[in-house]
C-alpha cells in the first residue's frame, strides 16, 4: 500500500474548513452568516406582519438555524479530523510498518 501524506495539504484543508465555519481568521464564517441572515428574515417577517395592516405584502420565512447548527457540527468533525490526520497516519500506518521492518531486519541479521 502506498500512502501519500502531505502535511501542508491537510493544514490547508483544516484552515479552509475553519474559515468556512468561523474558526479561522475570517469572521463568523458561512454558518454564522447564514444564522444572521435567517434572523434578519425572521425580523422582516415580524415587521411585515406588524406593519402591513392591509395584507398587501406576502412574505414568509422558514428558519433553518437547527439545520445550520447540524451543518456546523458536521464540518467541525471534519475540521478536527483534518488536524489529527498526521497522528492517525503515524499511529496506524507508520508505527506498525516500522515495527514489522525492524523485526524483518533483525531476522535477516540473525539468520544463519
Foldseek 3Di string as FASTA:
>chain_A
DDDDDDLVVLVVVLQVLCQQCVNHDNHRHVLVVLQVVLVVLVVVVVVCVVPVVVPPDDDDDDHDNVVSVVVSVVSVVVSVVSVCVVVVCCVPPVVVVVVVVVVVVVCVVPPD
